[in-house]
Amino acid sequence: MSRSHPSETPDRDPPVAPLAETRASASVRATPRRSLDPLLESKAAVLGVLFLVTGVLGLPLLWYSRRFAALERWFWAVVVTLYTSLLVALVVWVLYWSYRQLSS
């Protein structure tokens, strides 16, 4: 028997097995983020969390909320990022000022 070179064999797609869906994956997909739904449905709650609690770390909450349009999400993401940067800069300035006051 002679073996043919791999390049001489016709191109065949490998067999594809169907993916089995487990009960766990079905139940996760059936109940998406139920615990956050009331929070995500309120624009005021999302903006309050962004500005008063988490700053930039809360941006995923903004993106998960269906109440904001895409342009609105980008606007608030930029505003929150600038706001957080300003607060960080203010803290750095206060620490620097305090250090200079203590060292003199």
PDB file of N, CA and C in Angstrom:
ATOM      1  N   MET A   1       0.834  -1.176   0.000  1.00  0.00           N
ATOM      2  CA  MET A   1       0.000   0.000   0.000  1.00  0.00           C
ATOM      3  C   MET A   1       0.869   1.225   0.000  1.00  0.00           C
ATOM      4  N   SER A   2       0.486   2.156  -0.767  1.00  0.00           N
ATOM      5  CA  SER A   2       1.248   3.398  -0.803  1.00  0.00           C
ATOM      6  C   SER A   2       0.441   4.490  -0.117  1.00  0.00           C
ATOM      7  N   ARG A   3       1.145   5.237   0.654  1.00  0.00           N
ATOM      8  CA  ARG A   3       0.495   6.369   1.351  1.00  0.00           C
ATOM      9  C   ARG A   3       0.615   7.594   0.470  1.00  0.00           C
ATOM     10  N   SER A   4      -0.444   8.363   0.434  1.00  0.00           N
ATOM     11  CA  SER A   4      -0.382   9.597  -0.333  1.00  0.00           C
ATOM     12  C   SER A   4       0.110  10.719   0.558  1.00  0.00           C
ATOM     13  N   HIS A   5       0.739  11.653  -0.034  1.00  0.00           N
ATOM     14  CA  HIS A   5       1.257  12.818   0.682  1.00  0.00           C
ATOM     15  C   HIS A   5       0.077  13.660   1.148  1.00  0.00           C
ATOM     16  N   PRO A   6       0.161  14.316   2.347  1.00  0.00           N
ATOM     17  CA  PRO A   6      -0.986  15.103   2.840  1.00  0.00           C
ATOM     18  C   PRO A   6      -1.440  16.172   1.866  1.00  0.00           C
ATOM     19  N   SER A   7      -0.526  16.707   1.075  1.00  0.00           N
ATOM     20  CA  SER A   7      -0.939  17.764   0.148  1.00  0.00           C
ATOM     21  C   SER A   7      -1.710  17.199  -1.030  1.00  0.00           C
ATOM     22  N   GLU A   8      -1.631  15.857  -1.244  1.00  0.00           N
ATOM     23  CA  GLU A   8      -2.326  15.244  -2.360  1.00  0.00           C
ATOM     24  C   GLU A   8      -3.743  14.809  -2.015  1.00  0.00           C
ATOM     25  N   THR A   9      -4.075  14.786  -0.713  1.00  0.00           N
ATOM     26  CA  THR A   9      -5.413  14.367  -0.313  1.00  0.00           C
ATOM     27  C   THR A   9      -6.379  15.520  -0.514  1.00  0.00           C
ATOM     28  N   PRO A  10      -7.603  15.206  -0.882  1.00  0.00           N
ATOM     29  CA  PRO A  10      -8.568  16.296  -1.075  1.00  0.00           C
ATOM     30  C   PRO A  10      -8.876  16.975   0.258  1.00  0.00           C
ATOM     31  N   ASP A  11      -9.150  18.267   0.183  1.00  0.00           N
ATOM     32  CA  ASP A  11      -9.497  19.021   1.394  1.00  0.00           C
ATOM     33  C   ASP A  11     -10.855  18.579   1.906  1.00  0.00           C
ATOM     34  N   ARG A  12     -10.877  18.180   3.135  1.00  0.00           N
ATOM     35  CA  ARG A  12     -12.125  17.768   3.769  1.00  0.00           C
ATOM     36  C   ARG A  12     -12.262  18.519   5.081  1.00  0.00           C
ATOM     37  N   ASP A  13     -13.459  18.941   5.360  1.00  0.00           N
ATOM     38  CA  ASP A  13     -13.713  19.595   6.643  1.00  0.00           C
ATOM     39  C   ASP A  13     -13.738  18.537   7.724  1.00  0.00           C
ATOM     40  N   PRO A  14     -13.127  18.835   8.868  1.00  0.00           N
ATOM     41  CA  PRO A  14     -13.178  17.851   9.956  1.00  0.00           C
ATOM     42  C   PRO A  14     -14.598  17.750  10.490  1.00  0.00           C
ATOM     43  N   PRO A  15     -14.948  16.594  11.013  1.00  0.00           N
ATOM     44  CA  PRO A  15     -16.306  16.451  11.558  1.00  0.00           C
ATOM     45  C   PRO A  15     -16.497  17.381  12.755  1.00  0.00           C
ATOM     46  N   VAL A  16     -17.653  17.951  12.834  1.00  0.00           N
ATOM     47  CA  VAL A  16     -17.965  18.886  13.912  1.00  0.00           C
ATOM     48  C   VAL A  16     -19.050  18.274  14.786  1.00  0.00           C
ATOM     49  N   ALA A  17     -18.744  18.164  16.061  1.00  0.00           N
ATOM     50  CA  ALA A  17     -19.721  17.618  17.003  1.00  0.00           C
ATOM     51  C   ALA A  17     -20.578  18.751  17.543  1.00  0.00           C
ATOM     52  N   PRO A  18     -21.862  18.540  17.720  1.00  0.00           N
ATOM     53  CA  PRO A  18     -22.702  19.595  18.303  1.00  0.00           C
ATOM     54  C   PRO A  18     -22.304  19.830  19.758  1.00  0.00           C
ATOM     55  N   LEU A  19     -22.376  21.072  20.169  1.00  0.00           N
ATOM     56  CA  LEU A  19     -22.038  21.415  21.544  1.00  0.00           C
ATOM     57  C   LEU A  19     -23.190  21.068  22.466  1.00  0.00           C
ATOM     58  N   ALA A  20     -22.851  20.443  23.541  1.00  0.00           N
ATOM     59  CA  ALA A  20     -23.871  20.081  24.527  1.00  0.00           C
ATOM     60  C   ALA A  20     -24.055  21.246  25.489  1.00  0.00           C
ATOM     61  N   GLU A  21     -25.279  21.572  25.778  1.00  0.00           N
ATOM     62  CA  GLU A  21     -25.564  22.657  26.715  1.00  0.00           C
ATOM     63  C   GLU A  21     -25.874  22.041  28.074  1.00  0.00           C
ATOM     64  N   THR A  22     -25.145  22.481  29.063  1.00  0.00           N
ATOM     65  CA  THR A  22     -25.357  21.952  30.405  1.00  0.00           C
ATOM     66  C   THR A  22     -26.484  22.709  31.086  1.00  0.00           C
ATOM     67  N   ARG A  23     -26.995  22.139  32.146  1.00  0.00           N
ATOM     68  CA  ARG A  23     -28.050  22.814  32.904  1.00  0.00           C
ATOM     69  C   ARG A  23     -27.556  24.108  33.507  1.00  0.00           C
ATOM     70  N   ALA A  24     -26.301  24.121  33.940  1.00  0.00           N
ATOM     71  CA  ALA A  24     -25.753  25.322  34.569  1.00  0.00           C
ATOM     72  C   ALA A  24     -25.702  26.470  33.571  1.00  0.00           C
ATOM     73  N   SER A  25     -25.240  26.208  32.347  1.00  0.00           N
ATOM     74  CA  SER A  25     -25.157  27.293  31.376  1.00  0.00           C
ATOM     75  C   SER A  25     -26.543  27.763  30.959  1.00  0.00           C
ATOM     76  N   ALA A  26     -27.505  26.849  30.900  1.00  0.00           N
ATOM     77  CA  ALA A  26     -28.868  27.240  30.550  1.00  0.00           C
ATOM     78  C   ALA A  26     -29.491  28.092  31.643  1.00  0.00           C
ATOM     79  N   SER A  27     -29.226  27.769  32.910  1.00  0.00           N
ATOM     80  CA  SER A  27     -29.828  28.538  33.994  1.00  0.00           C
ATOM     81  C   SER A  27     -29.173  29.905  34.127  1.00  0.00           C
ATOM     82  N   VAL A  28     -27.891  30.009  33.838  1.00  0.00           N
ATOM     83  CA  VAL A  28     -27.215  31.305  33.889  1.00  0.00           C
ATOM     84  C   VAL A  28     -27.774  32.211  32.804  1.00  0.00           C
ATOM     85  N   ARG A  29     -27.989  31.664  31.630  1.00  0.00           N
ATOM     86  CA  ARG A  29     -28.501  32.472  30.535  1.00  0.00           C
ATOM     87  C   ARG A  29     -29.965  32.843  30.761  1.00  0.00           C
ATOM     88  N   ALA A  30     -30.698  32.011  31.472  1.00  0.00           N
ATOM     89  CA  ALA A  30     -32.119  32.263  31.683  1.00  0.00           C
ATOM     90  C   ALA A  30     -32.361  33.378  32.698  1.00  0.00           C
ATOM     91  N   THR A  31     -31.423  33.630  33.608  1.00  0.00           N
ATOM     92  CA  THR A  31     -31.610  34.656  34.631  1.00  0.00           C
ATOM     93  C   THR A  31     -30.449  35.646  34.598  1.00  0.00           C
ATOM     94  N   PRO A  32     -30.414  36.538  33.615  1.00  0.00           N
ATOM     95  CA  PRO A  32     -29.305  37.480  33.524  1.00  0.00           C
ATOM     96  C   PRO A  32     -29.444  38.622  34.524  1.00  0.00           C
ATOM     97  N   ARG A  33     -28.441  38.850  35.309  1.00  0.00           N
ATOM     98  CA  ARG A  33     -28.268  39.977  36.230  1.00  0.00           C
ATOM     99  C   ARG A  33     -29.553  40.444  36.917  1.00  0.00           C
ATOM    100  N   ARG A  34     -30.298  39.527  37.489  1.00  0.00           N
ATOM    101  CA  ARG A  34     -31.542  39.881  38.167  1.00  0.00           C
ATOM    102  C   ARG A  34     -31.314  40.792  39.352  1.00  0.00           C
ATOM    103  N   SER A  35     -30.228  40.592  40.083  1.00  0.00           N
ATOM    104  CA  SER A  35     -30.020  41.361  41.301  1.00  0.00           C
ATOM    105  C   SER A  35     -29.703  42.823  41.014  1.00  0.00           C
ATOM    106  N   LEU A  36     -29.182  43.133  39.834  1.00  0.00           N
ATOM    107  CA  LEU A  36     -28.833  44.515  39.506  1.00  0.00           C
ATOM    108  C   LEU A  36     -29.899  45.232  38.693  1.00  0.00           C
ATOM    109  N   ASP A  37     -30.932  44.544  38.257  1.00  0.00           N
ATOM    110  CA  ASP A  37     -31.925  45.155  37.380  1.00  0.00           C
ATOM    111  C   ASP A  37     -32.537  46.444  37.928  1.00  0.00           C
ATOM    112  N   PRO A  38     -32.990  46.503  39.182  1.00  0.00           N
ATOM    113  CA  PRO A  38     -33.578  47.763  39.656  1.00  0.00           C
ATOM    114  C   PRO A  38     -32.559  48.910  39.643  1.00  0.00           C
ATOM    115  N   LEU A  39     -31.338  48.619  39.973  1.00  0.00           N
ATOM    116  CA  LEU A  39     -30.304  49.652  39.971  1.00  0.00           C
ATOM    117  C   LEU A  39     -30.000  50.114  38.552  1.00  0.00           C
ATOM    118  N   LEU A  40     -29.946  49.179  37.618  1.00  0.00           N
ATOM    119  CA  LEU A  40     -29.611  49.520  36.240  1.00  0.00           C
ATOM    120  C   LEU A  40     -30.734  50.258  35.523  1.00  0.00           C
ATOM    121  N   GLU A  41     -31.950  50.120  35.996  1.00  0.00           N
ATOM    122  CA  GLU A  41     -33.077  50.767  35.336  1.00  0.00           C
ATOM    123  C   GLU A  41     -33.255  52.222  35.753  1.00  0.00           C
ATOM    124  N   SER A  42     -32.526  52.687  36.722  1.00  0.00           N
ATOM    125  CA  SER A  42     -32.649  54.063  37.179  1.00  0.00           C
ATOM    126  C   SER A  42     -31.418  54.860  36.764  1.00  0.00           C
ATOM    127  N   LYS A  43     -31.626  55.865  35.915  1.00  0.00           N
ATOM    128  CA  LYS A  43     -30.506  56.713  35.487  1.00  0.00           C
ATOM    129  C   LYS A  43     -29.892  57.434  36.675  1.00  0.00           C
ATOM    130  N   ALA A  44     -30.739  57.915  37.569  1.00  0.00           N
ATOM    131  CA  ALA A  44     -30.239  58.652  38.728  1.00  0.00           C
ATOM    132  C   ALA A  44     -29.377  57.759  39.616  1.00  0.00           C
ATOM    133  N   ALA A  45     -29.772  56.500  39.789  1.00  0.00           N
ATOM    134  CA  ALA A  45     -28.991  55.580  40.615  1.00  0.00           C
ATOM    135  C   ALA A  45     -27.638  55.287  39.985  1.00  0.00           C
ATOM    136  N   VAL A  46     -27.620  55.074  38.679  1.00  0.00           N
ATOM    137  CA  VAL A  46     -26.357  54.794  37.981  1.00  0.00           C
ATOM    138  C   VAL A  46     -25.426  55.995  38.079  1.00  0.00           C
ATOM    139  N   LEU A  47     -25.938  57.199  37.820  1.00  0.00           N
ATOM    140  CA  LEU A  47     -25.100  58.403  37.889  1.00  0.00           C
ATOM    141  C   LEU A  47     -24.668  58.680  39.329  1.00  0.00           C
ATOM    142  N   GLY A  48     -25.545  58.410  40.294  1.00  0.00           N
ATOM    143  CA  GLY A  48     -25.175  58.580  41.697  1.00  0.00           C
ATOM    144  C   GLY A  48     -24.027  57.664  42.096  1.00  0.00           C
ATOM    145  N   VAL A  49     -24.092  56.415  41.662  1.00  0.00           N
ATOM    146  CA  VAL A  49     -23.004  55.476  41.949  1.00  0.00           C
ATOM    147  C   VAL A  49     -21.722  55.953  41.291  1.00  0.00           C
ATOM    148  N   LEU A  50     -21.813  56.422  40.057  1.00  0.00           N
ATOM    149  CA  LEU A  50     -20.615  56.872  39.338  1.00  0.00           C
ATOM    150  C   LEU A  50     -19.958  58.066  40.016  1.00  0.00           C
ATOM    151  N   PHE A  51     -20.746  59.059  40.396  1.00  0.00           N
ATOM    152  CA  PHE A  51     -20.172  60.299  40.920  1.00  0.00           C
ATOM    153  C   PHE A  51     -19.923  60.271  42.429  1.00  0.00           C
ATOM    154  N   LEU A  52     -20.734  59.552  43.177  1.00  0.00           N
ATOM    155  CA  LEU A  52     -20.612  59.602  44.628  1.00  0.00           C
ATOM    156  C   LEU A  52     -19.874  58.424  45.247  1.00  0.00           C
ATOM    157  N   VAL A  53     -19.773  57.310  44.528  1.00  0.00           N
ATOM    158  CA  VAL A  53     -19.208  56.121  45.152  1.00  0.00           C
ATOM    159  C   VAL A  53     -17.955  55.631  44.443  1.00  0.00           C
ATOM    160  N   THR A  54     -18.063  55.299  43.169  1.00  0.00           N
ATOM    161  CA  THR A  54     -16.999  54.526  42.540  1.00  0.00           C
ATOM    162  C   THR A  54     -16.132  55.270  41.542  1.00  0.00           C
ATOM    163  N   GLY A  55     -16.625  56.333  40.956  1.00  0.00           N
ATOM    164  CA  GLY A  55     -15.838  57.010  39.917  1.00  0.00           C
ATOM    165  C   GLY A  55     -15.674  56.114  38.708  1.00  0.00           C
ATOM    166  N   VAL A  56     -14.456  56.063  38.195  1.00  0.00           N
ATOM    167  CA  VAL A  56     -14.161  55.310  36.978  1.00  0.00           C
ATOM    168  C   VAL A  56     -14.445  53.820  37.150  1.00  0.00           C
ATOM    169  N   LEU A  57     -14.312  53.299  38.362  1.00  0.00           N
ATOM    170  CA  LEU A  57     -14.549  51.873  38.588  1.00  0.00           C
ATOM    171  C   LEU A  57     -16.004  51.478  38.354  1.00  0.00           C
ATOM    172  N   GLY A  58     -16.904  52.436  38.311  1.00  0.00           N
ATOM    173  CA  GLY A  58     -18.314  52.139  38.089  1.00  0.00           C
ATOM    174  C   GLY A  58     -18.742  52.190  36.634  1.00  0.00           C
ATOM    175  N   LEU A  59     -17.804  52.412  35.719  1.00  0.00           N
ATOM    176  CA  LEU A  59     -18.171  52.510  34.309  1.00  0.00           C
ATOM    177  C   LEU A  59     -18.849  51.248  33.760  1.00  0.00           C
ATOM    178  N   PRO A  60     -18.467  50.041  34.175  1.00  0.00           N
ATOM    179  CA  PRO A  60     -19.217  48.881  33.672  1.00  0.00           C
ATOM    180  C   PRO A  60     -20.708  48.943  34.018  1.00  0.00           C
ATOM    181  N   LEU A  61     -21.045  49.501  35.154  1.00  0.00           N
ATOM    182  CA  LEU A  61     -22.448  49.668  35.522  1.00  0.00           C
ATOM    183  C   LEU A  61     -23.161  50.555  34.508  1.00  0.00           C
ATOM    184  N   LEU A  62     -22.494  51.604  34.066  1.00  0.00           N
ATOM    185  CA  LEU A  62     -23.064  52.496  33.047  1.00  0.00           C
ATOM    186  C   LEU A  62     -23.286  51.754  31.740  1.00  0.00           C
ATOM    187  N   TRP A  63     -22.331  50.933  31.332  1.00  0.00           N
ATOM    188  CA  TRP A  63     -22.429  50.234  30.052  1.00  0.00           C
ATOM    189  C   TRP A  63     -23.457  49.110  30.087  1.00  0.00           C
ATOM    190  N   TYR A  64     -23.722  48.532  31.272  1.00  0.00           N
ATOM    191  CA  TYR A  64     -24.739  47.483  31.378  1.00  0.00           C
ATOM    192  C   TYR A  64     -26.155  48.049  31.390  1.00  0.00           C
ATOM    193  N   SER A  65     -26.292  49.304  31.760  1.00  0.00           N
ATOM    194  CA  SER A  65     -27.618  49.904  31.855  1.00  0.00           C
ATOM    195  C   SER A  65     -28.222  50.089  30.467  1.00  0.00           C
ATOM    196  N   ARG A  66     -29.451  49.649  30.319  1.00  0.00           N
ATOM    197  CA  ARG A  66     -30.141  49.792  29.031  1.00  0.00           C
ATOM    198  C   ARG A  66     -30.859  51.135  28.922  1.00  0.00           C
ATOM    199  N   ARG A  67     -30.845  51.921  29.978  1.00  0.00           N
ATOM    200  CA  ARG A  67     -31.552  53.209  29.976  1.00  0.00           C
ATOM    201  C   ARG A  67     -30.790  54.312  29.252  1.00  0.00           C
ATOM    202  N   PHE A  68     -29.493  54.120  29.043  1.00  0.00           N
ATOM    203  CA  PHE A  68     -28.673  55.131  28.394  1.00  0.00           C
ATOM    204  C   PHE A  68     -28.450  54.768  26.931  1.00  0.00           C
ATOM    205  N   ALA A  69     -28.582  55.778  26.056  1.00  0.00           N
ATOM    206  CA  ALA A  69     -28.263  55.572  24.643  1.00  0.00           C
ATOM    207  C   ALA A  69     -26.741  55.500  24.496  1.00  0.00           C
ATOM    208  N   ALA A  70     -26.276  55.025  23.357  1.00  0.00           N
ATOM    209  CA  ALA A  70     -24.830  54.851  23.146  1.00  0.00           C
ATOM    210  C   ALA A  70     -24.090  56.184  23.267  1.00  0.00           C
ATOM    211  N   LEU A  71     -24.611  57.226  22.666  1.00  0.00           N
ATOM    212  CA  LEU A  71     -23.961  58.537  22.732  1.00  0.00           C
ATOM    213  C   LEU A  71     -23.948  59.061  24.163  1.00  0.00           C
ATOM    214  N   GLU A  72     -25.033  58.813  24.872  1.00  0.00           N
ATOM    215  CA  GLU A  72     -25.122  59.224  26.273  1.00  0.00           C
ATOM    216  C   GLU A  72     -24.109  58.460  27.131  1.00  0.00           C
ATOM    217  N   ARG A  73     -23.921  57.191  26.859  1.00  0.00           N
ATOM    218  CA  ARG A  73     -22.921  56.402  27.594  1.00  0.00           C
ATOM    219  C   ARG A  73     -21.526  56.972  27.394  1.00  0.00           C
ATOM    220  N   TRP A  74     -21.188  57.286  26.147  1.00  0.00           N
ATOM    221  CA  TRP A  74     -19.865  57.860  25.865  1.00  0.00           C
ATOM    222  C   TRP A  74     -19.696  59.204  26.573  1.00  0.00           C
ATOM    223  N   PHE A  75     -20.723  60.033  26.535  1.00  0.00           N
ATOM    224  CA  PHE A  75     -20.651  61.340  27.193  1.00  0.00           C
ATOM    225  C   PHE A  75     -20.379  61.171  28.683  1.00  0.00           C
ATOM    226  N   TRP A  76     -21.174  60.335  29.357  1.00  0.00           N
ATOM    227  CA  TRP A  76     -21.000  60.155  30.797  1.00  0.00           C
ATOM    228  C   TRP A  76     -19.690  59.453  31.123  1.00  0.00           C
ATOM    229  N   ALA A  77     -19.238  58.571  30.257  1.00  0.00           N
ATOM    230  CA  ALA A  77     -17.949  57.907  30.493  1.00  0.00           C
ATOM    231  C   ALA A  77     -16.810  58.924  30.475  1.00  0.00           C
ATOM    232  N   VAL A  78     -16.843  59.854  29.534  1.00  0.00           N
ATOM    233  CA  VAL A  78     -15.810  60.894  29.459  1.00  0.00           C
ATOM    234  C   VAL A  78     -15.911  61.828  30.660  1.00  0.00           C
ATOM    235  N   VAL A  79     -17.115  62.245  31.008  1.00  0.00           N
ATOM    236  CA  VAL A  79     -17.306  63.154  32.145  1.00  0.00           C
ATOM    237  C   VAL A  79     -16.823  62.496  33.442  1.00  0.00           C
ATOM    238  N   VAL A  80     -17.185  61.243  33.664  1.00  0.00           N
ATOM    239  CA  VAL A  80     -16.777  60.552  34.895  1.00  0.00           C
ATOM    240  C   VAL A  80     -15.266  60.345  34.923  1.00  0.00           C
ATOM    241  N   THR A  81     -14.667  60.044  33.788  1.00  0.00           N
ATOM    242  CA  THR A  81     -13.216  59.878  33.729  1.00  0.00           C
ATOM    243  C   THR A  81     -12.503  61.191  34.056  1.00  0.00           C
ATOM    244  N   LEU A  82     -12.981  62.297  33.494  1.00  0.00           N
ATOM    245  CA  LEU A  82     -12.385  63.605  33.801  1.00  0.00           C
ATOM    246  C   LEU A  82     -12.600  63.974  35.269  1.00  0.00           C
ATOM    247  N   TYR A  83     -13.781  63.727  35.774  1.00  0.00           N
ATOM    248  CA  TYR A  83     -14.112  64.014  37.171  1.00  0.00           C
ATOM    249  C   TYR A  83     -13.201  63.230  38.110  1.00  0.00           C
ATOM    250  N   THR A  84     -13.022  61.947  37.843  1.00  0.00           N
ATOM    251  CA  THR A  84     -12.163  61.118  38.675  1.00  0.00           C
ATOM    252  C   THR A  84     -10.716  61.579  38.584  1.00  0.00           C
ATOM    253  N   SER A  85     -10.265  61.916  37.385  1.00  0.00           N
ATOM    254  CA  SER A  85      -8.893  62.418  37.214  1.00  0.00           C
ATOM    255  C   SER A  85      -8.678  63.700  37.997  1.00  0.00           C
ATOM    256  N   LEU A  86      -9.672  64.582  37.978  1.00  0.00           N
ATOM    257  CA  LEU A  86      -9.586  65.838  38.727  1.00  0.00           C
ATOM    258  C   LEU A  86      -9.507  65.563  40.232  1.00  0.00           C
ATOM    259  N   LEU A  87     -10.303  64.633  40.723  1.00  0.00           N
ATOM    260  CA  LEU A  87     -10.265  64.294  42.150  1.00  0.00           C
ATOM    261  C   LEU A  87      -8.921  63.688  42.549  1.00  0.00           C
ATOM    262  N   VAL A  88      -8.375  62.823  41.708  1.00  0.00           N
ATOM    263  CA  VAL A  88      -7.068  62.229  41.997  1.00  0.00           C
ATOM    264  C   VAL A  88      -5.998  63.313  42.013  1.00  0.00           C
ATOM    265  N   ALA A  89      -6.043  64.229  41.036  1.00  0.00           N
ATOM    266  CA  ALA A  89      -5.082  65.330  40.997  1.00  0.00           C
ATOM    267  C   ALA A  89      -5.217  66.215  42.241  1.00  0.00           C
ATOM    268  N   LEU A  90      -6.436  66.454  42.693  1.00  0.00           N
ATOM    269  CA  LEU A  90      -6.653  67.252  43.893  1.00  0.00           C
ATOM    270  C   LEU A  90      -6.049  66.572  45.127  1.00  0.00           C
ATOM    271  N   VAL A  91      -6.227  65.272  45.252  1.00  0.00           N
ATOM    272  CA  VAL A  91      -5.657  64.529  46.375  1.00  0.00           C
ATOM    273  C   VAL A  91      -4.132  64.584  46.328  1.00  0.00           C
ATOM    274  N   VAL A  92      -3.557  64.420  45.147  1.00  0.00           N
ATOM    275  CA  VAL A  92      -2.094  64.499  45.008  1.00  0.00           C
ATOM    276  C   VAL A  92      -1.608  65.886  45.403  1.00  0.00           C
ATOM    277  N   TRP A  93      -2.314  66.931  44.967  1.00  0.00           N
ATOM    278  CA  TRP A  93      -1.908  68.300  45.304  1.00  0.00           C
ATOM    279  C   TRP A  93      -1.984  68.529  46.821  1.00  0.00           C
ATOM    280  N   VAL A  94      -3.048  68.070  47.469  1.00  0.00           N
ATOM    281  CA  VAL A  94      -3.195  68.237  48.917  1.00  0.00           C
ATOM    282  C   VAL A  94      -2.084  67.488  49.651  1.00  0.00           C
ATOM    283  N   LEU A  95      -1.763  66.291  49.211  1.00  0.00           N
ATOM    284  CA  LEU A  95      -0.676  65.544  49.839  1.00  0.00           C
ATOM    285  C   LEU A  95       0.663  66.259  49.657  1.00  0.00           C
ATOM    286  N   TYR A  96       0.922  66.789  48.475  1.00  0.00           N
ATOM    287  CA  TYR A  96       2.155  67.523  48.213  1.00  0.00           C
ATOM    288  C   TYR A  96       2.221  68.784  49.078  1.00  0.00           C
ATOM    289  N   TRP A  97       1.110  69.511  49.155  1.00  0.00           N
ATOM    290  CA  TRP A  97       1.058  70.732  49.963  1.00  0.00           C
ATOM    291  C   TRP A  97       1.290  70.397  51.441  1.00  0.00           C
ATOM    292  N   SER A  98       0.645  69.319  51.905  1.00  0.00           N
ATOM    293  CA  SER A  98       0.832  68.920  53.303  1.00  0.00           C
ATOM    294  C   SER A  98       2.290  68.524  53.586  1.00  0.00           C
ATOM    295  N   TYR A  99       2.885  67.817  52.675  1.00  0.00           N
ATOM    296  CA  TYR A  99       4.279  67.410  52.837  1.00  0.00           C
ATOM    297  C   TYR A  99       5.195  68.634  52.926  1.00  0.00           C
ATOM    298  N   ARG A 100       4.944  69.635  52.082  1.00  0.00           N
ATOM    299  CA  ARG A 100       5.763  70.859  52.103  1.00  0.00           C
ATOM    300  C   ARG A 100       5.554  71.616  53.410  1.00  0.00           C
ATOM    301  N   GLN A 101       4.323  71.624  53.916  1.00  0.00           N
ATOM    302  CA  GLN A 101       4.046  72.318  55.182  1.00  0.00           C
ATOM    303  C   GLN A 101       4.746  71.627  56.349  1.00  0.00           C
ATOM    304  N   LEU A 102       4.768  70.325  56.335  1.00  0.00           N
ATOM    305  CA  LEU A 102       5.404  69.578  57.415  1.00  0.00           C
ATOM    306  C   LEU A 102       6.917  69.610  57.333  1.00  0.00           C
ATOM    307  N   SER A 103       7.467  69.700  56.154  1.00  0.00           N
ATOM    308  CA  SER A 103       8.928  69.672  56.007  1.00  0.00           C
ATOM    309  C   SER A 103       9.570  71.050  56.226  1.00  0.00           C
ATOM    310  N   SER A 104       8.797  72.098  56.240  1.00  0.00           N
ATOM    311  CA  SER A 104       9.392  73.431  56.456  1.00  0.00           C
ATOM    312  C   SER A 104       9.329  73.907  57.885  1.00  0.00           C
TER     313      SER A 104
END
